[in-house]
PDB file of N, CA and C in Angstrom:
ATOM      1  N   MET A   1      76.910 194.499  86.339  1.00  0.00           N
ATOM      2  CA  MET A   1      75.786 193.357  85.566  1.00  0.00           C
ATOM      3  C   MET A   1      75.705 192.254  86.115  1.00  0.00           C
ATOM      4  N   ARG A   2      74.600 191.912  86.042  1.00  0.00           N
ATOM      5  CA  ARG A   2      74.404 190.576  86.634  1.00  0.00           C
ATOM      6  C   ARG A   2      74.515 189.400  85.615  1.00  0.00           C
ATOM      7  N   PRO A   3      75.439 188.272  86.007  1.00  0.00           N
ATOM      8  CA  PRO A   3      75.781 187.700  85.180  1.00  0.00           C
ATOM      9  C   PRO A   3      74.982 186.690  84.253  1.00  0.00           C
ATOM     10  N   ARG A   4      73.851 186.175  85.513  1.00  0.00           N
ATOM     11  CA  ARG A   4      72.793 185.186  85.132  1.00  0.00           C
ATOM     12  C   ARG A   4      71.641 185.866  83.845  1.00  0.00           C
ATOM     13  N   ASP A   5      71.354 187.064  83.741  1.00  0.00           N
ATOM     14  CA  ASP A   5      70.648 187.267  82.807  1.00  0.00           C
ATOM     15  C   ASP A   5      71.097 189.101  82.268  1.00  0.00           C
ATOM     16  N   ARG A   6      72.215 189.100  82.577  1.00  0.00           N
ATOM     17  CA  ARG A   6      72.961 190.562  82.193  1.00  0.00           C
ATOM     18  C   ARG A   6      71.917 191.725  82.505  1.00  0.00           C
ATOM     19  N   GLY A   7      71.261 191.936  83.881  1.00  0.00           N
ATOM     20  CA  GLY A   7      70.459 192.991  84.158  1.00  0.00           C
ATOM     21  C   GLY A   7      71.343 193.723  84.847  1.00  0.00           C
ATOM     22  N   ILE A   8      71.134 194.963  84.518  1.00  0.00           N
ATOM     23  CA  ILE A   8      72.227 196.345  85.135  1.00  0.00           C
ATOM     24  C   ILE A   8      71.750 196.663  86.402  1.00  0.00           C
ATOM     25  N   THR A   9      71.929 196.928  87.415  1.00  0.00           N
ATOM     26  CA  THR A   9      71.361 197.131  88.692  1.00  0.00           C
ATOM     27  C   THR A   9      72.726 197.976  89.236  1.00  0.00           C
ATOM     28  N   GLY A  10      72.328 198.531  90.499  1.00  0.00           N
ATOM     29  CA  GLY A  10      73.422 198.910  91.388  1.00  0.00           C
ATOM     30  C   GLY A  10      73.287 200.355  91.530  1.00  0.00           C
ATOM     31  N   GLU A  11      74.017 200.997  92.214  1.00  0.00           N
ATOM     32  CA  GLU A  11      74.025 202.384  92.769  1.00  0.00           C
ATOM     33  C   GLU A  11      74.242 202.991  91.463  1.00  0.00           C
ATOM     34  N   ALA A  12      75.287 202.851  90.776  1.00  0.00           N
ATOM     35  CA  ALA A  12      75.811 203.269  89.476  1.00  0.00           C
ATOM     36  C   ALA A  12      74.545 203.695  88.545  1.00  0.00           C
ATOM     37  N   THR A  13      73.773 202.486  88.245  1.00  0.00           N
ATOM     38  CA  THR A  13      72.402 202.390  87.606  1.00  0.00           C
ATOM     39  C   THR A  13      71.592 203.367  87.980  1.00  0.00           C
ATOM     40  N   ILE A  14      71.551 203.255  89.128  1.00  0.00           N
ATOM     41  CA  ILE A  14      70.651 204.879  89.619  1.00  0.00           C
ATOM     42  C   ILE A  14      70.830 205.856  89.279  1.00  0.00           C
ATOM     43  N   ASP A  15      72.215 206.256  89.738  1.00  0.00           N
ATOM     44  CA  ASP A  15      72.695 207.466  89.387  1.00  0.00           C
ATOM     45  C   ASP A  15      72.344 208.070  88.284  1.00  0.00           C
ATOM     46  N   PHE A  16      72.870 206.854  86.866  1.00  0.00           N
ATOM     47  CA  PHE A  16      72.689 207.271  85.751  1.00  0.00           C
ATOM     48  C   PHE A  16      71.260 207.568  85.286  1.00  0.00           C
ATOM     49  N   MET A  17      70.133 206.814  85.819  1.00  0.00           N
ATOM     50  CA  MET A  17      68.777 206.907  85.335  1.00  0.00           C
ATOM     51  C   MET A  17      68.296 208.189  86.042  1.00  0.00           C
ATOM     52  N   ARG A  18      69.006 208.499  86.902  1.00  0.00           N
ATOM     53  CA  ARG A  18      68.387 209.838  87.747  1.00  0.00           C
ATOM     54  C   ARG A  18      68.713 211.211  86.714  1.00  0.00           C
ATOM     55  N   GLN A  19      69.523 211.079  85.982  1.00  0.00           N
ATOM     56  CA  GLN A  19      69.848 212.235  85.060  1.00  0.00           C
ATOM     57  C   GLN A  19      69.110 212.415  83.557  1.00  0.00           C
ATOM     58  N   PHE A  20      67.884 211.819  83.918  1.00  0.00           N
ATOM     59  CA  PHE A  20      67.085 211.536  82.415  1.00  0.00           C
ATOM     60  C   PHE A  20      65.654 211.748  82.891  1.00  0.00           C
ATOM     61  N   ARG A  21      64.772 212.314  81.726  1.00  0.00           N
ATOM     62  CA  ARG A  21      63.181 212.309  82.331  1.00  0.00           C
ATOM     63  C   ARG A  21      62.825 211.737  81.093  1.00  0.00           C
ATOM     64  N   VAL A  22      62.005 210.457  81.051  1.00  0.00           N
ATOM     65  CA  VAL A  22      61.530 209.856  79.992  1.00  0.00           C
ATOM     66  C   VAL A  22      60.238 209.747  79.790  1.00  0.00           C
ATOM     67  N   ASP A  23      59.523 209.544  78.941  1.00  0.00           N
ATOM     68  CA  ASP A  23      58.106 209.613  78.286  1.00  0.00           C
ATOM     69  C   ASP A  23      57.311 208.381  78.927  1.00  0.00           C
ATOM     70  N   TYR A  24      58.243 207.049  78.675  1.00  0.00           N
ATOM     71  CA  TYR A  24      57.429 206.279  79.383  1.00  0.00           C
ATOM     72  C   TYR A  24      58.522 205.012  80.105  1.00  0.00           C
ATOM     73  N   GLY A  25      58.225 204.530  81.197  1.00  0.00           N
ATOM     74  CA  GLY A  25      59.081 203.596  81.664  1.00  0.00           C
ATOM     75  C   GLY A  25      58.301 202.448  81.539  1.00  0.00           C
ATOM     76  N   ILE A  26      58.838 201.173  81.468  1.00  0.00           N
ATOM     77  CA  ILE A  26      58.178 199.902  81.222  1.00  0.00           C
ATOM     78  C   ILE A  26      58.764 198.673  81.957  1.00  0.00           C
ATOM     79  N   THR A  27      58.052 197.639  82.584  1.00  0.00           N
ATOM     80  CA  THR A  27      58.872 196.932  83.482  1.00  0.00           C
ATOM     81  C   THR A  27      57.836 195.740  83.465  1.00  0.00           C
ATOM     82  N   GLY A  28      58.488 194.629  83.941  1.00  0.00           N
ATOM     83  CA  GLY A  28      57.916 193.465  84.315  1.00  0.00           C
ATOM     84  C   GLY A  28      58.010 193.222  85.859  1.00  0.00           C
ATOM     85  N   ILE A  29      57.291 192.285  86.174  1.00  0.00           N
ATOM     86  CA  ILE A  29      57.099 192.262  87.873  1.00  0.00           C
ATOM     87  C   ILE A  29      57.140 190.720  88.195  1.00  0.00           C
ATOM     88  N   SER A  30      57.541 190.301  89.735  1.00  0.00           N
ATOM     89  CA  SER A  30      57.529 189.109  89.683  1.00  0.00           C
ATOM     90  C   SER A  30      55.977 188.843  90.338  1.00  0.00           C
ATOM     91  N   GLY A  31      55.670 189.685  91.092  1.00  0.00           N
ATOM     92  CA  GLY A  31      54.355 189.130  91.608  1.00  0.00           C
ATOM     93  C   GLY A  31      53.430 190.377  91.986  1.00  0.00           C
ATOM     94  N   ILE A  32      51.988 190.391  91.916  1.00  0.00           N
ATOM     95  CA  ILE A  32      51.215 191.458  92.332  1.00  0.00           C
ATOM     96  C   ILE A  32      50.174 190.832  93.608  1.00  0.00           C
ATOM     97  N   ASP A  33      50.517 191.454  94.704  1.00  0.00           N
ATOM     98  CA  ASP A  33      49.846 191.015  96.038  1.00  0.00           C
ATOM     99  C   ASP A  33      48.253 191.231  95.989  1.00  0.00           C
ATOM    100  N   ILE A  34      47.310 190.486  96.848  1.00  0.00           N
ATOM    101  CA  ILE A  34      45.996 191.170  96.704  1.00  0.00           C
ATOM    102  C   ILE A  34      45.821 192.383  97.040  1.00  0.00           C
ATOM    103  N   ASP A  35      46.738 192.950  97.864  1.00  0.00           N
ATOM    104  CA  ASP A  35      46.136 194.409  98.080  1.00  0.00           C
ATOM    105  C   ASP A  35      46.885 195.426  97.018  1.00  0.00           C
ATOM    106  N   GLY A  36      47.455 194.773  95.896  1.00  0.00           N
ATOM    107  CA  GLY A  36      47.789 195.810  94.835  1.00  0.00           C
ATOM    108  C   GLY A  36      49.330 195.875  94.775  1.00  0.00           C
ATOM    109  N   THR A  37      50.019 195.567  96.044  1.00  0.00           N
ATOM    110  CA  THR A  37      51.411 195.748  95.945  1.00  0.00           C
ATOM    111  C   THR A  37      52.180 195.117  95.019  1.00  0.00           C
ATOM    112  N   LEU A  38      52.800 196.051  94.224  1.00  0.00           N
ATOM    113  CA  LEU A  38      53.881 194.933  93.212  1.00  0.00           C
ATOM    114  C   LEU A  38      55.244 194.543  93.919  1.00  0.00           C
ATOM    115  N   LEU A  39      55.363 193.429  93.799  1.00  0.00           N
ATOM    116  CA  LEU A  39      56.871 192.593  94.530  1.00  0.00           C
ATOM    117  C   LEU A  39      57.682 192.332  93.538  1.00  0.00           C
ATOM    118  N   ASP A  40      58.986 191.958  94.142  1.00  0.00           N
ATOM    119  CA  ASP A  40      60.058 191.559  92.894  1.00  0.00           C
ATOM    120  C   ASP A  40      60.692 190.763  94.392  1.00  0.00           C
ATOM    121  N   PHE A  41      61.813 190.014  93.550  1.00  0.00           N
ATOM    122  CA  PHE A  41      62.709 189.451  94.264  1.00  0.00           C
ATOM    123  C   PHE A  41      64.191 190.100  94.503  1.00  0.00           C
ATOM    124  N   ASP A  42      64.257 190.768  93.521  1.00  0.00           N
ATOM    125  CA  ASP A  42      65.910 191.526  93.689  1.00  0.00           C
ATOM    126  C   ASP A  42      66.112 192.803  94.205  1.00  0.00           C
ATOM    127  N   TYR A  43      66.350 193.042  95.549  1.00  0.00           N
ATOM    128  CA  TYR A  43      66.615 194.386  95.557  1.00  0.00           C
ATOM    129  C   TYR A  43      66.845 195.674  94.947  1.00  0.00           C
ATOM    130  N   GLN A  44      68.025 195.170  94.639  1.00  0.00           N
ATOM    131  CA  GLN A  44      68.878 195.863  93.458  1.00  0.00           C
ATOM    132  C   GLN A  44      68.056 196.320  92.403  1.00  0.00           C
ATOM    133  N   GLU A  45      67.282 195.447  91.887  1.00  0.00           N
ATOM    134  CA  GLU A  45      66.649 195.559  90.658  1.00  0.00           C
ATOM    135  C   GLU A  45      65.486 196.615  90.584  1.00  0.00           C
ATOM    136  N   VAL A  46      64.651 196.515  92.309  1.00  0.00           N
ATOM    137  CA  VAL A  46      63.727 197.075  92.618  1.00  0.00           C
ATOM    138  C   VAL A  46      64.003 198.662  92.384  1.00  0.00           C
ATOM    139  N   ARG A  47      65.118 198.763  93.251  1.00  0.00           N
ATOM    140  CA  ARG A  47      65.719 200.154  93.246  1.00  0.00           C
ATOM    141  C   ARG A  47      66.129 200.989  91.678  1.00  0.00           C
ATOM    142  N   VAL A  48      66.409 200.046  90.814  1.00  0.00           N
ATOM    143  CA  VAL A  48      66.452 200.592  89.976  1.00  0.00           C
ATOM    144  C   VAL A  48      64.930 200.939  89.005  1.00  0.00           C
ATOM    145  N   VAL A  49      64.042 200.004  89.341  1.00  0.00           N
ATOM    146  CA  VAL A  49      62.899 200.365  88.817  1.00  0.00           C
ATOM    147  C   VAL A  49      61.842 201.435  89.562  1.00  0.00           C
ATOM    148  N   GLN A  50      62.408 201.540  90.621  1.00  0.00           N
ATOM    149  CA  GLN A  50      61.752 202.803  91.495  1.00  0.00           C
ATOM    150  C   GLN A  50      62.197 203.935  91.041  1.00  0.00           C
ATOM    151  N   THR A  51      63.345 203.953  90.609  1.00  0.00           N
ATOM    152  CA  THR A  51      64.163 204.957  90.218  1.00  0.00           C
ATOM    153  C   THR A  51      63.582 205.420  88.536  1.00  0.00           C
ATOM    154  N   ILE A  52      63.231 204.510  87.858  1.00  0.00           N
ATOM    155  CA  ILE A  52      62.697 204.657  86.609  1.00  0.00           C
ATOM    156  C   ILE A  52      60.958 205.137  86.486  1.00  0.00           C
ATOM    157  N   MET A  53      60.463 204.700  87.340  1.00  0.00           N
ATOM    158  CA  MET A  53      59.183 204.823  87.845  1.00  0.00           C
ATOM    159  C   MET A  53      59.228 206.463  87.822  1.00  0.00           C
ATOM    160  N   SER A  54      60.136 206.882  88.900  1.00  0.00           N
ATOM    161  CA  SER A  54      59.946 208.479  89.378  1.00  0.00           C
ATOM    162  C   SER A  54      60.263 209.267  88.209  1.00  0.00           C
ATOM    163  N   GLN A  55      61.407 208.572  87.308  1.00  0.00           N
ATOM    164  CA  GLN A  55      61.833 209.788  86.186  1.00  0.00           C
ATOM    165  C   GLN A  55      60.632 209.450  84.909  1.00  0.00           C
ATOM    166  N   ALA A  56      59.935 208.723  84.913  1.00  0.00           N
ATOM    167  CA  ALA A  56      58.838 208.434  83.758  1.00  0.00           C
ATOM    168  C   ALA A  56      57.506 209.379  83.938  1.00  0.00           C
ATOM    169  N   ARG A  57      57.094 209.885  82.911  1.00  0.00           N
ATOM    170  CA  ARG A  57      55.935 210.784  82.720  1.00  0.00           C
ATOM    171  C   ARG A  57      54.686 209.817  82.719  1.00  0.00           C
ATOM    172  N   HIS A  58      55.025 208.513  82.326  1.00  0.00           N
ATOM    173  CA  HIS A  58      53.841 207.226  82.162  1.00  0.00           C
ATOM    174  C   HIS A  58      54.554 206.055  82.351  1.00  0.00           C
ATOM    175  N   PHE A  59      53.958 205.270  83.183  1.00  0.00           N
ATOM    176  CA  PHE A  59      54.757 204.140  83.800  1.00  0.00           C
ATOM    177  C   PHE A  59      53.712 202.800  83.371  1.00  0.00           C
ATOM    178  N   TRP A  60      54.266 201.963  82.399  1.00  0.00           N
ATOM    179  CA  TRP A  60      53.787 200.717  82.027  1.00  0.00           C
ATOM    180  C   TRP A  60      54.252 199.486  82.630  1.00  0.00           C
ATOM    181  N   LEU A  61      53.112 198.678  82.954  1.00  0.00           N
ATOM    182  CA  LEU A  61      53.410 197.155  83.657  1.00  0.00           C
ATOM    183  C   LEU A  61      53.057 196.300  82.637  1.00  0.00           C
ATOM    184  N   ALA A  62      54.032 195.360  82.442  1.00  0.00           N
ATOM    185  CA  ALA A  62      53.749 193.866  81.822  1.00  0.00           C
ATOM    186  C   ALA A  62      53.845 192.997  82.662  1.00  0.00           C
ATOM    187  N   ALA A  63      52.545 192.222  82.840  1.00  0.00           N
ATOM    188  CA  ALA A  63      52.499 191.112  83.734  1.00  0.00           C
ATOM    189  C   ALA A  63      51.720 190.082  83.381  1.00  0.00           C
ATOM    190  N   ASP A  64      51.998 188.820  82.885  1.00  0.00           N
ATOM    191  CA  ASP A  64      51.145 187.708  82.704  1.00  0.00           C
ATOM    192  C   ASP A  64      50.185 187.340  83.889  1.00  0.00           C
ATOM    193  N   HIS A  65      49.167 186.522  83.691  1.00  0.00           N
ATOM    194  CA  HIS A  65      47.964 186.399  84.477  1.00  0.00           C
ATOM    195  C   HIS A  65      48.669 185.634  85.593  1.00  0.00           C
ATOM    196  N   SER A  66      49.967 184.777  85.932  1.00  0.00           N
ATOM    197  CA  SER A  66      50.345 184.376  86.386  1.00  0.00           C
ATOM    198  C   SER A  66      51.036 185.257  87.631  1.00  0.00           C
ATOM    199  N   LYS A  67      51.072 186.589  87.704  1.00  0.00           N
ATOM    200  CA  LYS A  67      51.802 187.508  88.569  1.00  0.00           C
ATOM    201  C   LYS A  67      50.680 187.555  89.675  1.00  0.00           C
ATOM    202  N   PHE A  68      49.501 187.416  89.356  1.00  0.00           N
ATOM    203  CA  PHE A  68      48.297 188.051  90.224  1.00  0.00           C
ATOM    204  C   PHE A  68      48.475 187.158  91.264  1.00  0.00           C
ATOM    205  N   GLY A  69      48.607 187.563  92.850  1.00  0.00           N
ATOM    206  CA  GLY A  69      48.718 186.594  93.718  1.00  0.00           C
ATOM    207  C   GLY A  69      49.974 185.574  93.917  1.00  0.00           C
ATOM    208  N   ARG A  70      51.136 186.130  92.935  1.00  0.00           N
ATOM    209  CA  ARG A  70      52.424 185.212  93.309  1.00  0.00           C
ATOM    210  C   ARG A  70      52.947 186.333  94.297  1.00  0.00           C
ATOM    211  N   SER A  71      53.533 185.785  95.401  1.00  0.00           N
ATOM    212  CA  SER A  71      54.367 186.310  96.487  1.00  0.00           C
ATOM    213  C   SER A  71      55.815 186.491  95.992  1.00  0.00           C
ATOM    214  N   ALA A  72      56.615 187.655  96.459  1.00  0.00           N
ATOM    215  CA  ALA A  72      57.669 187.774  96.379  1.00  0.00           C
ATOM    216  C   ALA A  72      58.370 188.801  97.629  1.00  0.00           C
ATOM    217  N   MET A  73      59.650 188.956  97.807  1.00  0.00           N
ATOM    218  CA  MET A  73      59.943 189.320  99.065  1.00  0.00           C
ATOM    219  C   MET A  73      59.955 191.033  99.054  1.00  0.00           C
ATOM    220  N   VAL A  74      60.577 191.608  97.795  1.00  0.00           N
ATOM    221  CA  VAL A  74      60.912 192.996  98.211  1.00  0.00           C
ATOM    222  C   VAL A  74      59.602 193.711  97.317  1.00  0.00           C
ATOM    223  N   GLU A  75      58.924 194.661  98.114  1.00  0.00           N
ATOM    224  CA  GLU A  75      58.026 196.033  97.735  1.00  0.00           C
ATOM    225  C   GLU A  75      58.626 196.796  96.562  1.00  0.00           C
ATOM    226  N   LEU A  76      57.962 196.999  95.348  1.00  0.00           N
ATOM    227  CA  LEU A  76      58.430 197.596  94.301  1.00  0.00           C
ATOM    228  C   LEU A  76      57.308 199.029  94.438  1.00  0.00           C
ATOM    229  N   GLY A  77      56.306 198.931  94.613  1.00  0.00           N
ATOM    230  CA  GLY A  77      55.275 199.883  94.389  1.00  0.00           C
ATOM    231  C   GLY A  77      53.795 199.302  94.909  1.00  0.00           C
ATOM    232  N   HIS A  78      52.721 200.107  93.943  1.00  0.00           N
ATOM    233  CA  HIS A  78      51.531 199.527  94.097  1.00  0.00           C
ATOM    234  C   HIS A  78      50.754 199.801  93.002  1.00  0.00           C
ATOM    235  N   LEU A  79      50.063 199.067  92.482  1.00  0.00           N
ATOM    236  CA  LEU A  79      48.801 199.103  91.080  1.00  0.00           C
ATOM    237  C   LEU A  79      48.681 200.782  90.848  1.00  0.00           C
ATOM    238  N   ARG A  80      48.411 201.510  91.975  1.00  0.00           N
ATOM    239  CA  ARG A  80      47.936 202.924  91.741  1.00  0.00           C
ATOM    240  C   ARG A  80      48.997 203.742  90.971  1.00  0.00           C
ATOM    241  N   GLN A  81      50.212 203.054  91.208  1.00  0.00           N
ATOM    242  CA  GLN A  81      51.448 204.151  90.381  1.00  0.00           C
ATOM    243  C   GLN A  81      51.594 203.482  89.033  1.00  0.00           C
ATOM    244  N   VAL A  82      50.669 202.877  88.443  1.00  0.00           N
ATOM    245  CA  VAL A  82      51.159 202.176  87.170  1.00  0.00           C
ATOM    246  C   VAL A  82      49.776 202.869  86.065  1.00  0.00           C
ATOM    247  N   ASP A  83      50.316 203.219  85.017  1.00  0.00           N
ATOM    248  CA  ASP A  83      49.061 204.130  83.900  1.00  0.00           C
ATOM    249  C   ASP A  83      48.762 203.036  83.197  1.00  0.00           C
ATOM    250  N   ALA A  84      49.615 202.088  82.559  1.00  0.00           N
ATOM    251  CA  ALA A  84      48.894 201.094  81.889  1.00  0.00           C
ATOM    252  C   ALA A  84      49.406 199.633  82.262  1.00  0.00           C
ATOM    253  N   LEU A  85      48.598 198.996  82.384  1.00  0.00           N
ATOM    254  CA  LEU A  85      48.702 197.444  82.371  1.00  0.00           C
ATOM    255  C   LEU A  85      48.962 196.571  81.209  1.00  0.00           C
ATOM    256  N   PHE A  86      49.677 195.922  80.954  1.00  0.00           N
ATOM    257  CA  PHE A  86      49.661 194.788  79.778  1.00  0.00           C
ATOM    258  C   PHE A  86      49.779 193.363  80.177  1.00  0.00           C
ATOM    259  N   THR A  87      48.601 192.720  80.062  1.00  0.00           N
ATOM    260  CA  THR A  87      48.450 191.061  80.497  1.00  0.00           C
ATOM    261  C   THR A  87      48.031 190.173  79.365  1.00  0.00           C
ATOM    262  N   ASP A  88      48.003 188.793  79.554  1.00  0.00           N
ATOM    263  CA  ASP A  88      47.258 188.152  78.860  1.00  0.00           C
ATOM    264  C   ASP A  88      46.128 187.546  79.249  1.00  0.00           C
ATOM    265  N   ARG A  89      45.441 188.209  80.430  1.00  0.00           N
ATOM    266  CA  ARG A  89      44.039 187.665  80.713  1.00  0.00           C
ATOM    267  C   ARG A  89      43.631 188.899  81.372  1.00  0.00           C
ATOM    268  N   ARG A  90      42.218 189.100  81.584  1.00  0.00           N
ATOM    269  CA  ARG A  90      41.763 190.059  82.340  1.00  0.00           C
ATOM    270  C   ARG A  90      42.161 189.664  83.893  1.00  0.00           C
ATOM    271  N   PRO A  91      42.399 190.905  84.716  1.00  0.00           N
ATOM    272  CA  PRO A  91      42.928 190.471  85.955  1.00  0.00           C
ATOM    273  C   PRO A  91      41.609 189.782  86.597  1.00  0.00           C
ATOM    274  N   PRO A  92      42.130 189.155  87.627  1.00  0.00           N
ATOM    275  CA  PRO A  92      41.001 188.857  88.453  1.00  0.00           C
ATOM    276  C   PRO A  92      40.289 189.840  89.062  1.00  0.00           C
ATOM    277  N   GLU A  93      39.049 189.616  89.872  1.00  0.00           N
ATOM    278  CA  GLU A  93      37.981 190.494  90.379  1.00  0.00           C
ATOM    279  C   GLU A  93      38.948 191.333  91.383  1.00  0.00           C
ATOM    280  N   GLU A  94      39.503 190.463  92.602  1.00  0.00           N
ATOM    281  CA  GLU A  94      40.097 191.264  93.261  1.00  0.00           C
ATOM    282  C   GLU A  94      41.207 192.167  93.118  1.00  0.00           C
ATOM    283  N   TRP A  95      41.496 192.193  92.167  1.00  0.00           N
ATOM    284  CA  TRP A  95      42.395 193.443  91.894  1.00  0.00           C
ATOM    285  C   TRP A  95      41.603 194.512  90.818  1.00  0.00           C
ATOM    286  N   ARG A  96      40.358 194.191  90.604  1.00  0.00           N
ATOM    287  CA  ARG A  96      39.914 195.171  89.596  1.00  0.00           C
ATOM    288  C   ARG A  96      39.869 196.682  90.336  1.00  0.00           C
ATOM    289  N   ALA A  97      39.424 196.434  91.595  1.00  0.00           N
ATOM    290  CA  ALA A  97      39.260 197.924  92.573  1.00  0.00           C
ATOM    291  C   ALA A  97      40.495 198.540  92.615  1.00  0.00           C
ATOM    292  N   HIS A  98      41.364 198.276  92.504  1.00  0.00           N
ATOM    293  CA  HIS A  98      43.161 198.819  92.653  1.00  0.00           C
ATOM    294  C   HIS A  98      43.086 199.214  91.154  1.00  0.00           C
ATOM    295  N   LEU A  99      42.813 198.868  90.106  1.00  0.00           N
ATOM    296  CA  LEU A  99      43.167 199.132  88.876  1.00  0.00           C
ATOM    297  C   LEU A  99      42.399 200.370  88.672  1.00  0.00           C
ATOM    298  N   GLU A 100      40.973 200.449  88.947  1.00  0.00           N
ATOM    299  CA  GLU A 100      39.949 201.322  88.710  1.00  0.00           C
ATOM    300  C   GLU A 100      40.531 202.647  89.594  1.00  0.00           C
ATOM    301  N   GLU A 101      40.693 202.284  90.950  1.00  0.00           N
ATOM    302  CA  GLU A 101      41.356 203.421  91.779  1.00  0.00           C
ATOM    303  C   GLU A 101      42.527 204.210  91.530  1.00  0.00           C
ATOM    304  N   GLY A 102      43.026 203.619  90.623  1.00  0.00           N
ATOM    305  CA  GLY A 102      44.567 203.995  90.305  1.00  0.00           C
ATOM    306  C   GLY A 102      44.247 204.711  88.872  1.00  0.00           C
ATOM    307  N   GLY A 103      43.175 204.407  88.011  1.00  0.00           N
ATOM    308  CA  GLY A 103      42.848 205.206  86.742  1.00  0.00           C
ATOM    309  C   GLY A 103      43.843 204.030  85.994  1.00  0.00           C
ATOM    310  N   VAL A 104      44.148 202.804  85.956  1.00  0.00           N
ATOM    311  CA  VAL A 104      44.987 202.298  85.416  1.00  0.00           C
ATOM    312  C   VAL A 104      44.151 201.321  83.816  1.00  0.00           C
ATOM    313  N   ARG A 105      44.621 201.823  83.064  1.00  0.00           N
ATOM    314  CA  ARG A 105      44.595 201.255  81.531  1.00  0.00           C
ATOM    315  C   ARG A 105      44.794 199.822  81.521  1.00  0.00           C
ATOM    316  N   VAL A 106      43.898 198.915  81.304  1.00  0.00           N
ATOM    317  CA  VAL A 106      44.179 197.515  80.968  1.00  0.00           C
ATOM    318  C   VAL A 106      44.382 197.059  79.557  1.00  0.00           C
ATOM    319  N   VAL A 107      45.380 196.640  79.341  1.00  0.00           N
ATOM    320  CA  VAL A 107      45.610 196.025  78.002  1.00  0.00           C
ATOM    321  C   VAL A 107      45.762 194.762  77.753  1.00  0.00           C
ATOM    322  N   VAL A 108      44.602 193.792  77.444  1.00  0.00           N
ATOM    323  CA  VAL A 108      44.691 192.390  77.299  1.00  0.00           C
ATOM    324  C   VAL A 108      45.145 191.733  75.747  1.00  0.00           C
ATOM    325  N   ALA A 109      46.125 191.293  75.946  1.00  0.00           N
ATOM    326  CA  ALA A 109      46.644 190.830  74.078  1.00  0.00           C
ATOM    327  C   ALA A 109      45.825 189.827  73.834  1.00  0.00           C
ATOM    328  N   ASP A 110      45.787 189.834  72.548  1.00  0.00           N
ATOM    329  CA  ASP A 110      45.117 188.722  72.007  1.00  0.00           C
ATOM    330  C   ASP A 110      45.734 187.301  71.739  1.00  0.00           C
ATOM    331  N   ALA A 111      45.269 186.594  72.034  1.00  0.00           N
ATOM    332  CA  ALA A 111      46.105 184.922  71.855  1.00  0.00           C
ATOM    333  C   ALA A 111      46.217 184.643  70.554  1.00  0.00           C
TER     334      ALA A 111
END
């Protein structure tokens, strides 16, 4: 367990998650590059999320508008792998092609 936020990461977590097939996997993200790459800062956390993605029938992403164009060092995946994106504003035009290409449903929260 990571002390600063009590996040559970590491190989034991990955092994545990591989035992289950889930209907929905949901995560947040640190950044989304202009090419649609999903990015984060913590390698161990990325490995856990990648496992959840592989075990989920549907994968949902929660990302507010500040994540578009924000950089981070670790590649998690691509927008094409997301079934639904939940955000607070319509994604910028530069990302819409990736969303349409992947058939990603975009849900914009009402303010």
